[in-house]
PDB file of all heavy atoms in Angstrom:
ATOM      1  N   PRO A   1     -65.236  14.184 -68.253  1.00  0.00           N
ATOM      2  CA  PRO A   1     -65.504  15.515 -67.698  1.00  0.00           C
ATOM      3  C   PRO A   1     -65.763  15.468 -66.194  1.00  0.00           C
ATOM      4  O   PRO A   1     -66.057  14.405 -65.641  1.00  0.00           O
ATOM      5  CB  PRO A   1     -66.745  15.979 -68.457  1.00  0.00           C
ATOM      6  CG  PRO A   1     -67.384  14.740 -68.938  1.00  0.00           C
ATOM      7  CD  PRO A   1     -66.308  13.722 -69.117  1.00  0.00           C
ATOM      8  N   ARG A   2     -65.660  16.619 -65.574  1.00  0.00           N
ATOM      9  CA  ARG A   2     -66.001  16.744 -64.156  1.00  0.00           C
ATOM     10  C   ARG A   2     -67.497  16.497 -63.978  1.00  0.00           C
ATOM     11  O   ARG A   2     -68.286  16.735 -64.885  1.00  0.00           O
ATOM     12  CB  ARG A   2     -65.682  18.155 -63.649  1.00  0.00           C
ATOM     13  CG  ARG A   2     -64.203  18.491 -63.552  1.00  0.00           C
ATOM     14  CD  ARG A   2     -64.008  19.888 -62.970  1.00  0.00           C
ATOM     15  NE  ARG A   2     -64.689  20.013 -61.694  1.00  0.00           N
ATOM     16  CZ  ARG A   2     -64.163  19.656 -60.516  1.00  0.00           C
ATOM     17  NH1 ARG A   2     -62.956  19.153 -60.460  1.00  0.00           N
ATOM     18  NH2 ARG A   2     -64.842  19.803 -59.403  1.00  0.00           N
ATOM     19  N   ARG A   3     -67.860  16.080 -62.794  1.00  0.00           N
ATOM     20  CA  ARG A   3     -69.292  15.866 -62.500  1.00  0.00           C
ATOM     21  C   ARG A   3     -70.074  17.172 -62.573  1.00  0.00           C
ATOM     22  O   ARG A   3     -71.251  17.174 -62.888  1.00  0.00           O
ATOM     23  CB  ARG A   3     -69.458  15.222 -61.123  1.00  0.00           C
ATOM     24  CG  ARG A   3     -69.003  13.771 -61.081  1.00  0.00           C
ATOM     25  CD  ARG A   3     -69.313  13.133 -59.733  1.00  0.00           C
ATOM     26  NE  ARG A   3     -68.602  13.789 -58.645  1.00  0.00           N
ATOM     27  CZ  ARG A   3     -67.427  13.404 -58.175  1.00  0.00           C
ATOM     28  NH1 ARG A   3     -66.830  12.363 -58.691  1.00  0.00           N
ATOM     29  NH2 ARG A   3     -66.859  14.043 -57.179  1.00  0.00           N
ATOM     30  N   ASP A   4     -69.413  18.286 -62.280  1.00  0.00           N
ATOM     31  CA  ASP A   4     -70.091  19.585 -62.292  1.00  0.00           C
ATOM     32  C   ASP A   4     -69.799  20.385 -63.569  1.00  0.00           C
ATOM     33  O   ASP A   4     -69.871  21.610 -63.571  1.00  0.00           O
ATOM     34  CB  ASP A   4     -69.716  20.393 -61.055  1.00  0.00           C
ATOM     35  CG  ASP A   4     -68.211  20.673 -60.949  1.00  0.00           C
ATOM     36  OD1 ASP A   4     -67.423  20.115 -61.756  1.00  0.00           O
ATOM     37  OD2 ASP A   4     -67.823  21.437 -60.048  1.00  0.00           O
ATOM     38  N   ASP A   5     -69.503  19.688 -64.659  1.00  0.00           N
ATOM     39  CA  ASP A   5     -69.150  20.382 -65.900  1.00  0.00           C
ATOM     40  C   ASP A   5     -70.275  21.283 -66.400  1.00  0.00           C
ATOM     41  O   ASP A   5     -69.998  22.333 -66.976  1.00  0.00           O
ATOM     42  CB  ASP A   5     -68.752  19.377 -66.987  1.00  0.00           C
ATOM     43  CG  ASP A   5     -68.185  20.061 -68.216  1.00  0.00           C
ATOM     44  OD1 ASP A   5     -67.171  20.782 -68.062  1.00  0.00           O
ATOM     45  OD2 ASP A   5     -68.755  19.901 -69.301  1.00  0.00           O
ATOM     46  N   ASP A   6     -71.526  20.921 -66.166  1.00  0.00           N
ATOM     47  CA  ASP A   6     -72.634  21.784 -66.595  1.00  0.00           C
ATOM     48  C   ASP A   6     -72.569  23.145 -65.907  1.00  0.00           C
ATOM     49  O   ASP A   6     -72.834  24.176 -66.523  1.00  0.00           O
ATOM     50  CB  ASP A   6     -73.983  21.109 -66.357  1.00  0.00           C
ATOM     51  CG  ASP A   6     -74.202  20.714 -64.903  1.00  0.00           C
ATOM     52  OD1 ASP A   6     -73.224  20.441 -64.183  1.00  0.00           O
ATOM     53  OD2 ASP A   6     -75.378  20.675 -64.485  1.00  0.00           O
ATOM     54  N   LYS A   7     -72.161  23.180 -64.647  1.00  0.00           N
ATOM     55  CA  LYS A   7     -72.007  24.450 -63.926  1.00  0.00           C
ATOM     56  C   LYS A   7     -70.839  25.257 -64.491  1.00  0.00           C
ATOM     57  O   LYS A   7     -70.901  26.480 -64.585  1.00  0.00           O
ATOM     58  CB  LYS A   7     -71.811  24.198 -62.440  1.00  0.00           C
ATOM     59  CG  LYS A   7     -73.036  23.610 -61.777  1.00  0.00           C
ATOM     60  CD  LYS A   7     -72.776  23.307 -60.323  1.00  0.00           C
ATOM     61  CE  LYS A   7     -73.997  22.630 -59.715  1.00  0.00           C
ATOM     62  NZ  LYS A   7     -73.769  22.175 -58.367  1.00  0.00           N
ATOM     63  N   ILE A   8     -69.781  24.560 -64.865  1.00  0.00           N
ATOM     64  CA  ILE A   8     -68.621  25.236 -65.442  1.00  0.00           C
ATOM     65  C   ILE A   8     -68.992  25.856 -66.793  1.00  0.00           C
ATOM     66  O   ILE A   8     -68.612  26.986 -67.093  1.00  0.00           O
ATOM     67  CB  ILE A   8     -67.437  24.267 -65.562  1.00  0.00           C
ATOM     68  CG1 ILE A   8     -66.943  23.912 -64.156  1.00  0.00           C
ATOM     69  CG2 ILE A   8     -66.314  24.852 -66.393  1.00  0.00           C
ATOM     70  CD1 ILE A   8     -65.962  22.786 -64.089  1.00  0.00           C
ATOM     71  N   LEU A   9     -69.761  25.129 -67.599  1.00  0.00           N
ATOM     72  CA  LEU A   9     -70.209  25.681 -68.884  1.00  0.00           C
ATOM     73  C   LEU A   9     -71.064  26.924 -68.686  1.00  0.00           C
ATOM     74  O   LEU A   9     -70.956  27.893 -69.438  1.00  0.00           O
ATOM     75  CB  LEU A   9     -70.978  24.630 -69.676  1.00  0.00           C
ATOM     76  CG  LEU A   9     -70.117  23.602 -70.391  1.00  0.00           C
ATOM     77  CD1 LEU A   9     -70.997  22.555 -71.060  1.00  0.00           C
ATOM     78  CD2 LEU A   9     -69.210  24.250 -71.398  1.00  0.00           C
ATOM     79  N   THR A  10     -71.920  26.911 -67.674  1.00  0.00           N
ATOM     80  CA  THR A  10     -72.736  28.089 -67.363  1.00  0.00           C
ATOM     81  C   THR A  10     -71.833  29.259 -66.982  1.00  0.00           C
ATOM     82  O   THR A  10     -72.025  30.383 -67.449  1.00  0.00           O
ATOM     83  CB  THR A  10     -73.719  27.776 -66.224  1.00  0.00           C
ATOM     84  OG1 THR A  10     -74.582  26.717 -66.644  1.00  0.00           O
ATOM     85  CG2 THR A  10     -74.540  28.993 -65.852  1.00  0.00           C
ATOM     86  N   LEU A  11     -70.836  28.989 -66.154  1.00  0.00           N
ATOM     87  CA  LEU A  11     -69.887  30.022 -65.728  1.00  0.00           C
ATOM     88  C   LEU A  11     -69.152  30.616 -66.932  1.00  0.00           C
ATOM     89  O   LEU A  11     -69.036  31.833 -67.068  1.00  0.00           O
ATOM     90  CB  LEU A  11     -68.899  29.388 -64.751  1.00  0.00           C
ATOM     91  CG  LEU A  11     -67.843  30.264 -64.151  1.00  0.00           C
ATOM     92  CD1 LEU A  11     -67.762  29.987 -62.662  1.00  0.00           C
ATOM     93  CD2 LEU A  11     -66.503  29.994 -64.786  1.00  0.00           C
ATOM     94  N   ILE A  12     -68.693  29.750 -67.833  1.00  0.00           N
ATOM     95  CA  ILE A  12     -67.986  30.212 -69.030  1.00  0.00           C
ATOM     96  C   ILE A  12     -68.927  31.031 -69.914  1.00  0.00           C
ATOM     97  O   ILE A  12     -68.544  32.057 -70.466  1.00  0.00           O
ATOM     98  CB  ILE A  12     -67.393  29.023 -69.803  1.00  0.00           C
ATOM     99  CG1 ILE A  12     -66.267  28.373 -68.983  1.00  0.00           C
ATOM    100  CG2 ILE A  12     -66.863  29.461 -71.173  1.00  0.00           C
ATOM    101  CD1 ILE A  12     -65.791  27.039 -69.518  1.00  0.00           C
ATOM    102  N   GLY A  13     -70.181  30.587 -70.024  1.00  0.00           N
ATOM    103  CA  GLY A  13     -71.158  31.280 -70.856  1.00  0.00           C
ATOM    104  C   GLY A  13     -71.507  32.669 -70.366  1.00  0.00           C
ATOM    105  O   GLY A  13     -72.022  33.494 -71.130  1.00  0.00           O
ATOM    106  N   GLN A  14     -71.241  32.963 -69.111  1.00  0.00           N
ATOM    107  CA  GLN A  14     -71.546  34.277 -68.542  1.00  0.00           C
ATOM    108  C   GLN A  14     -70.433  35.302 -68.762  1.00  0.00           C
ATOM    109  O   GLN A  14     -70.596  36.471 -68.431  1.00  0.00           O
ATOM    110  CB  GLN A  14     -71.819  34.134 -67.047  1.00  0.00           C
ATOM    111  CG  GLN A  14     -73.051  33.325 -66.735  1.00  0.00           C
ATOM    112  CD  GLN A  14     -73.181  33.017 -65.253  1.00  0.00           C
ATOM    113  OE1 GLN A  14     -72.236  33.146 -64.479  1.00  0.00           O
ATOM    114  NE2 GLN A  14     -74.368  32.598 -64.865  1.00  0.00           N
ATOM    115  N   ILE A  15     -69.328  34.872 -69.307  1.00  0.00           N
ATOM    116  CA  ILE A  15     -68.201  35.785 -69.540  1.00  0.00           C
ATOM    117  C   ILE A  15     -68.486  36.619 -70.784  1.00  0.00           C
ATOM    118  O   ILE A  15     -68.740  36.070 -71.855  1.00  0.00           O
ATOM    119  CB  ILE A  15     -66.887  35.005 -69.706  1.00  0.00           C
ATOM    120  CG1 ILE A  15     -66.568  34.259 -68.414  1.00  0.00           C
ATOM    121  CG2 ILE A  15     -65.744  35.941 -70.088  1.00  0.00           C
ATOM    122  CD1 ILE A  15     -65.384  33.308 -68.523  1.00  0.00           C
ATOM    123  N   PRO A  16     -68.471  37.944 -70.654  1.00  0.00           N
ATOM    124  CA  PRO A  16     -68.686  38.792 -71.831  1.00  0.00           C
ATOM    125  C   PRO A  16     -67.592  38.564 -72.869  1.00  0.00           C
ATOM    126  O   PRO A  16     -66.421  38.449 -72.529  1.00  0.00           O
ATOM    127  CB  PRO A  16     -68.610  40.218 -71.277  1.00  0.00           C
ATOM    128  CG  PRO A  16     -68.704  40.092 -69.805  1.00  0.00           C
ATOM    129  CD  PRO A  16     -68.243  38.723 -69.446  1.00  0.00           C
ATOM    130  N   GLN A  17     -67.997  38.490 -74.120  1.00  0.00           N
ATOM    131  CA  GLN A  17     -67.045  38.246 -75.195  1.00  0.00           C
ATOM    132  C   GLN A  17     -66.319  39.531 -75.568  1.00  0.00           C
ATOM    133  O   GLN A  17     -66.920  40.590 -75.676  1.00  0.00           O
ATOM    134  CB  GLN A  17     -67.764  37.690 -76.414  1.00  0.00           C
ATOM    135  CG  GLN A  17     -66.838  37.179 -77.471  1.00  0.00           C
ATOM    136  CD  GLN A  17     -67.589  36.394 -78.536  1.00  0.00           C
ATOM    137  OE1 GLN A  17     -68.789  36.433 -78.615  1.00  0.00           O
ATOM    138  NE2 GLN A  17     -66.849  35.687 -79.362  1.00  0.00           N
ATOM    139  N   CYS A  18     -65.025  39.403 -75.760  1.00  0.00           N
ATOM    140  CA  CYS A  18     -64.207  40.543 -76.196  1.00  0.00           C
ATOM    141  C   CYS A  18     -64.197  40.600 -77.716  1.00  0.00           C
ATOM    142  O   CYS A  18     -64.445  39.610 -78.387  1.00  0.00           O
ATOM    143  CB  CYS A  18     -62.778  40.389 -75.707  1.00  0.00           C
ATOM    144  SG  CYS A  18     -62.573  40.757 -73.977  1.00  0.00           S
ATOM    145  N   SER A  19     -63.882  41.762 -78.203  1.00  0.00           N
ATOM    146  CA  SER A  19     -63.749  41.881 -79.651  1.00  0.00           C
ATOM    147  C   SER A  19     -62.472  41.175 -80.094  1.00  0.00           C
ATOM    148  O   SER A  19     -61.485  41.144 -79.358  1.00  0.00           O
ATOM    149  CB  SER A  19     -63.716  43.351 -80.059  1.00  0.00           C
ATOM    150  OG  SER A  19     -62.668  44.003 -79.395  1.00  0.00           O
ATOM    151  N   PRO A  20     -62.483  40.576 -81.283  1.00  0.00           N
ATOM    152  CA  PRO A  20     -61.291  39.871 -81.758  1.00  0.00           C
ATOM    153  C   PRO A  20     -60.130  40.831 -81.981  1.00  0.00           C
ATOM    154  O   PRO A  20     -60.318  42.028 -82.130  1.00  0.00           O
ATOM    155  CB  PRO A  20     -61.753  39.242 -83.067  1.00  0.00           C
ATOM    156  CG  PRO A  20     -62.978  39.971 -83.467  1.00  0.00           C
ATOM    157  CD  PRO A  20     -63.574  40.555 -82.230  1.00  0.00           C
ATOM    158  N   GLY A  21     -58.948  40.302 -81.989  1.00  0.00           N
ATOM    159  CA  GLY A  21     -57.780  41.110 -82.279  1.00  0.00           C
ATOM    160  C   GLY A  21     -56.759  41.131 -81.167  1.00  0.00           C
ATOM    161  O   GLY A  21     -55.624  41.477 -81.399  1.00  0.00           O
ATOM    162  N   GLY A  22     -57.169  40.754 -79.959  1.00  0.00           N
ATOM    163  CA  GLY A  22     -56.224  40.745 -78.853  1.00  0.00           C
ATOM    164  C   GLY A  22     -55.478  39.427 -78.776  1.00  0.00           C
ATOM    165  O   GLY A  22     -55.686  38.522 -79.580  1.00  0.00           O
ATOM    166  N   PRO A  23     -54.604  39.309 -77.780  1.00  0.00           N
ATOM    167  CA  PRO A  23     -53.887  38.053 -77.611  1.00  0.00           C
ATOM    168  C   PRO A  23     -54.849  36.927 -77.226  1.00  0.00           C
ATOM    169  O   PRO A  23     -55.893  37.166 -76.629  1.00  0.00           O
ATOM    170  CB  PRO A  23     -52.903  38.350 -76.475  1.00  0.00           C
ATOM    171  CG  PRO A  23     -53.492  39.500 -75.745  1.00  0.00           C
ATOM    172  CD  PRO A  23     -54.262  40.294 -76.759  1.00  0.00           C
ATOM    173  N   VAL A  24     -54.485  35.701 -77.576  1.00  0.00           N
ATOM    174  CA  VAL A  24     -55.310  34.539 -77.253  1.00  0.00           C
ATOM    175  C   VAL A  24     -54.631  33.756 -76.134  1.00  0.00           C
ATOM    176  O   VAL A  24     -53.437  33.464 -76.206  1.00  0.00           O
ATOM    177  CB  VAL A  24     -55.513  33.641 -78.494  1.00  0.00           C
ATOM    178  CG1 VAL A  24     -56.280  32.393 -78.132  1.00  0.00           C
ATOM    179  CG2 VAL A  24     -56.220  34.414 -79.591  1.00  0.00           C
ATOM    180  N   PHE A  25     -55.397  33.443 -75.105  1.00  0.00           N
ATOM    181  CA  PHE A  25     -54.917  32.649 -73.986  1.00  0.00           C
ATOM    182  C   PHE A  25     -55.695  31.339 -73.982  1.00  0.00           C
ATOM    183  O   PHE A  25     -56.893  31.331 -74.240  1.00  0.00           O
ATOM    184  CB  PHE A  25     -55.157  33.371 -72.658  1.00  0.00           C
ATOM    185  CG  PHE A  25     -54.535  34.735 -72.594  1.00  0.00           C
ATOM    186  CD1 PHE A  25     -55.293  35.866 -72.851  1.00  0.00           C
ATOM    187  CD2 PHE A  25     -53.196  34.888 -72.275  1.00  0.00           C
ATOM    188  CE1 PHE A  25     -54.730  37.133 -72.791  1.00  0.00           C
ATOM    189  CE2 PHE A  25     -52.625  36.150 -72.213  1.00  0.00           C
ATOM    190  CZ  PHE A  25     -53.392  37.270 -72.473  1.00  0.00           C
ATOM    191  N   THR A  26     -55.021  30.241 -73.674  1.00  0.00           N
ATOM    192  CA  THR A  26     -55.689  28.949 -73.570  1.00  0.00           C
ATOM    193  C   THR A  26     -55.614  28.469 -72.131  1.00  0.00           C
ATOM    194  O   THR A  26     -54.528  28.301 -71.581  1.00  0.00           O
ATOM    195  CB  THR A  26     -55.038  27.902 -74.496  1.00  0.00           C
ATOM    196  OG1 THR A  26     -55.064  28.391 -75.831  1.00  0.00           O
ATOM    197  CG2 THR A  26     -55.792  26.587 -74.434  1.00  0.00           C
ATOM    198  N   ALA A  27     -56.796  28.288 -71.535  1.00  0.00           N
ATOM    199  CA  ALA A  27     -56.874  27.788 -70.167  1.00  0.00           C
ATOM    200  C   ALA A  27     -57.283  26.325 -70.192  1.00  0.00           C
ATOM    201  O   ALA A  27     -58.036  25.893 -71.064  1.00  0.00           O
ATOM    202  CB  ALA A  27     -57.895  28.603 -69.367  1.00  0.00           C
ATOM    203  N   GLY A  28     -56.791  25.574 -69.244  1.00  0.00           N
ATOM    204  CA  GLY A  28     -57.158  24.177 -69.110  1.00  0.00           C
ATOM    205  C   GLY A  28     -57.839  23.940 -67.779  1.00  0.00           C
ATOM    206  O   GLY A  28     -57.555  24.613 -66.793  1.00  0.00           O
ATOM    207  N   LEU A  29     -58.744  22.964 -67.764  1.00  0.00           N
ATOM    208  CA  LEU A  29     -59.428  22.567 -66.532  1.00  0.00           C
ATOM    209  C   LEU A  29     -59.157  21.090 -66.280  1.00  0.00           C
ATOM    210  O   LEU A  29     -59.247  20.275 -67.204  1.00  0.00           O
ATOM    211  CB  LEU A  29     -60.936  22.795 -66.644  1.00  0.00           C
ATOM    212  CG  LEU A  29     -61.376  24.240 -66.819  1.00  0.00           C
ATOM    213  CD1 LEU A  29     -62.854  24.307 -67.127  1.00  0.00           C
ATOM    214  CD2 LEU A  29     -61.056  25.035 -65.581  1.00  0.00           C
ATOM    215  N   LEU A  30     -58.850  20.769 -65.035  1.00  0.00           N
ATOM    216  CA  LEU A  30     -58.593  19.390 -64.662  1.00  0.00           C
ATOM    217  C   LEU A  30     -59.846  18.776 -64.042  1.00  0.00           C
ATOM    218  O   LEU A  30     -60.595  19.458 -63.340  1.00  0.00           O
ATOM    219  CB  LEU A  30     -57.443  19.301 -63.666  1.00  0.00           C
ATOM    220  CG  LEU A  30     -56.105  19.923 -64.090  1.00  0.00           C
ATOM    221  CD1 LEU A  30     -55.050  19.679 -63.012  1.00  0.00           C
ATOM    222  CD2 LEU A  30     -55.641  19.394 -65.433  1.00  0.00           C
ATOM    223  N   ASN A  31     -60.061  17.484 -64.295  1.00  0.00           N
ATOM    224  CA  ASN A  31     -61.188  16.799 -63.669  1.00  0.00           C
ATOM    225  C   ASN A  31     -60.806  16.349 -62.259  1.00  0.00           C
ATOM    226  O   ASN A  31     -59.709  16.673 -61.765  1.00  0.00           O
ATOM    227  CB  ASN A  31     -61.680  15.632 -64.541  1.00  0.00           C
ATOM    228  CG  ASN A  31     -60.627  14.568 -64.748  1.00  0.00           C
ATOM    229  OD1 ASN A  31     -59.627  14.501 -64.046  1.00  0.00           O
ATOM    230  ND2 ASN A  31     -60.852  13.725 -65.746  1.00  0.00           N
ATOM    231  N   GLU A  32     -61.670  15.592 -61.618  1.00  0.00           N
ATOM    232  CA  GLU A  32     -61.456  15.191 -60.222  1.00  0.00           C
ATOM    233  C   GLU A  32     -60.231  14.302 -60.030  1.00  0.00           C
ATOM    234  O   GLU A  32     -59.692  14.230 -58.924  1.00  0.00           O
ATOM    235  CB  GLU A  32     -62.694  14.454 -59.681  1.00  0.00           C
ATOM    236  CG  GLU A  32     -63.887  15.347 -59.456  1.00  0.00           C
ATOM    237  CD  GLU A  32     -64.795  15.465 -60.678  1.00  0.00           C
ATOM    238  OE1 GLU A  32     -64.428  14.984 -61.776  1.00  0.00           O
ATOM    239  OE2 GLU A  32     -65.871  16.053 -60.551  1.00  0.00           O
ATOM    240  N   VAL A  33     -59.782  13.620 -61.072  1.00  0.00           N
ATOM    241  CA  VAL A  33     -58.595  12.759 -60.937  1.00  0.00           C
ATOM    242  C   VAL A  33     -57.324  13.419 -61.478  1.00  0.00           C
ATOM    243  O   VAL A  33     -56.291  12.780 -61.595  1.00  0.00           O
ATOM    244  CB  VAL A  33     -58.822  11.372 -61.596  1.00  0.00           C
ATOM    245  CG1 VAL A  33     -59.910  10.607 -60.873  1.00  0.00           C
ATOM    246  CG2 VAL A  33     -59.123  11.497 -63.068  1.00  0.00           C
ATOM    247  N   GLY A  34     -57.411  14.712 -61.820  1.00  0.00           N
ATOM    248  CA  GLY A  34     -56.231  15.463 -62.226  1.00  0.00           C
ATOM    249  C   GLY A  34     -55.884  15.404 -63.691  1.00  0.00           C
ATOM    250  O   GLY A  34     -54.783  15.787 -64.077  1.00  0.00           O
ATOM    251  N   LEU A  35     -56.821  14.937 -64.530  1.00  0.00           N
ATOM    252  CA  LEU A  35     -56.577  14.907 -65.971  1.00  0.00           C
ATOM    253  C   LEU A  35     -57.168  16.134 -66.637  1.00  0.00           C
ATOM    254  O   LEU A  35     -58.261  16.584 -66.278  1.00  0.00           O
ATOM    255  CB  LEU A  35     -57.213  13.650 -66.585  1.00  0.00           C
ATOM    256  CG  LEU A  35     -56.681  12.310 -66.091  1.00  0.00           C
ATOM    257  CD1 LEU A  35     -57.521  11.177 -66.653  1.00  0.00           C
ATOM    258  CD2 LEU A  35     -55.222  12.146 -66.454  1.00  0.00           C
ATOM    259  N   LEU A  36     -56.468  16.660 -67.611  1.00  0.00           N
ATOM    260  CA  LEU A  36     -56.960  17.781 -68.390  1.00  0.00           C
ATOM    261  C   LEU A  36     -58.173  17.301 -69.190  1.00  0.00           C
ATOM    262  O   LEU A  36     -58.066  16.372 -69.984  1.00  0.00           O
ATOM    263  CB  LEU A  36     -55.882  18.292 -69.334  1.00  0.00           C
ATOM    264  CG  LEU A  36     -56.261  19.483 -70.202  1.00  0.00           C
ATOM    265  CD1 LEU A  36     -56.350  20.739 -69.362  1.00  0.00           C
ATOM    266  CD2 LEU A  36     -55.263  19.655 -71.324  1.00  0.00           C
ATOM    267  N   TYR A  37     -59.343  17.914 -68.955  1.00  0.00           N
ATOM    268  CA  TYR A  37     -60.553  17.457 -69.638  1.00  0.00           C
ATOM    269  C   TYR A  37     -61.230  18.536 -70.481  1.00  0.00           C
ATOM    270  O   TYR A  37     -62.038  18.225 -71.353  1.00  0.00           O
ATOM    271  CB  TYR A  37     -61.562  16.878 -68.633  1.00  0.00           C
ATOM    272  CG  TYR A  37     -62.469  17.906 -68.034  1.00  0.00           C
ATOM    273  CD1 TYR A  37     -63.715  18.165 -68.598  1.00  0.00           C
ATOM    274  CD2 TYR A  37     -62.087  18.646 -66.932  1.00  0.00           C
ATOM    275  CE1 TYR A  37     -64.547  19.132 -68.072  1.00  0.00           C
ATOM    276  CE2 TYR A  37     -62.912  19.604 -66.398  1.00  0.00           C
ATOM    277  CZ  TYR A  37     -64.148  19.840 -66.972  1.00  0.00           C
ATOM    278  OH  TYR A  37     -64.963  20.809 -66.452  1.00  0.00           O
ATOM    279  N   ARG A  38     -60.968  19.806 -70.213  1.00  0.00           N
ATOM    280  CA  ARG A  38     -61.608  20.886 -70.958  1.00  0.00           C
ATOM    281  C   ARG A  38     -60.592  21.983 -71.213  1.00  0.00           C
ATOM    282  O   ARG A  38     -59.748  22.282 -70.373  1.00  0.00           O
ATOM    283  CB  ARG A  38     -62.810  21.455 -70.195  1.00  0.00           C
ATOM    284  CG  ARG A  38     -63.472  22.637 -70.915  1.00  0.00           C
ATOM    285  CD  ARG A  38     -64.755  23.087 -70.253  1.00  0.00           C
ATOM    286  NE  ARG A  38     -65.813  22.123 -70.381  1.00  0.00           N
ATOM    287  CZ  ARG A  38     -66.514  21.876 -71.494  1.00  0.00           C
ATOM    288  NH1 ARG A  38     -66.238  22.524 -72.597  1.00  0.00           N
ATOM    289  NH2 ARG A  38     -67.479  20.987 -71.500  1.00  0.00           N
ATOM    290  N   GLU A  39     -60.700  22.578 -72.404  1.00  0.00           N
ATOM    291  CA  GLU A  39     -59.868  23.730 -72.752  1.00  0.00           C
ATOM    292  C   GLU A  39     -60.773  24.903 -73.099  1.00  0.00           C
ATOM    293  O   GLU A  39     -61.878  24.705 -73.615  1.00  0.00           O
ATOM    294  CB  GLU A  39     -58.950  23.385 -73.921  1.00  0.00           C
ATOM    295  CG  GLU A  39     -57.957  22.288 -73.558  1.00  0.00           C
ATOM    296  CD  GLU A  39     -57.078  21.883 -74.716  1.00  0.00           C
ATOM    297  OE1 GLU A  39     -57.600  21.602 -75.809  1.00  0.00           O
ATOM    298  OE2 GLU A  39     -55.855  21.841 -74.496  1.00  0.00           O
TER     299      GLU A  39
END
């Protein structure tokens, strides 16, 4: 994981949840060396 992953988790946790039923999007996050580490 990134060194600042705890901050990223806080950022994600602040996003209001939508009601189910809409389209699903999958985002990826790269770590400092360019590897996909979080979805």
